[in-house]
Amino acid sequence: MTSYGIDSRYARREKRILLDIARRALTLAVTTGAALQEFPADEVLSQPGGAFVTLRRRGRLRGCVGQFATDLALIQVVAHCAIAASRHDPRFPSVTSEELAEIEIELSILSSEAEIRPEQIEIGRHGLIVTNGKRRGVLLPQVAAERGWTSERFLQETCAKAGMDRSAWKNSTTRIEAFTAEVFGESDLDTASEAV
């Protein structure tokens, strides 16, 4: 289980609930086209929060969609993003019911975002948001850590994700923000063999 530079904010039980909600929302959307409507009552998970849901099939990325905190409960954000990752990631076709058994879900529960200077970026701790005008790129903390990027490369790749020039982070009009994420997946908690 990996927390990228932050203390765990969620108990094992809460992580299990979130992963179960993501799995149920994904399965329902793929098999029936419906959205999950009922959520367990949980005081912590009913608080507003942001999350990314990453889907992998046989170890390869199959979809990843997220959103930062609004007034929506974290548990609802996770359900929404699980559906979106399966259907609305423009890099991939929609997930099919035949793929469900091979899909593994990983959640990244996000902190709030704050402005940061390039020299303050810590690989493995920070995710990045780079914004200039209407263009905005977001990369999760684990992306830079898993690929062994330097802070400068991380900034360049986040700019590229936004469709900007790779050096746009140097512009005075570009805003650089960072966030942290608590990252955990089904294989970490072995949810397939234990009830939530």
Foldseek 3Di string as FASTA:
>chain_A
DDFQADDDPDDLVVVLQLQVLLLVLLLCCQPPVDGDDDHDDDPQQQAWFKKKKWKDFPRHTAFIDIDGTDRGGNSVRSSVNSNCRQPPRVVHHHDHNVRSVRIKIKMWTKDDKDFDDLVPDDQSFKWKWKDAVPFIFTDASVVCVVVVHDSLVNQLVRCVRRVHHSPCSPDPRMTMMIITTGMDICVRSVSVVDPD
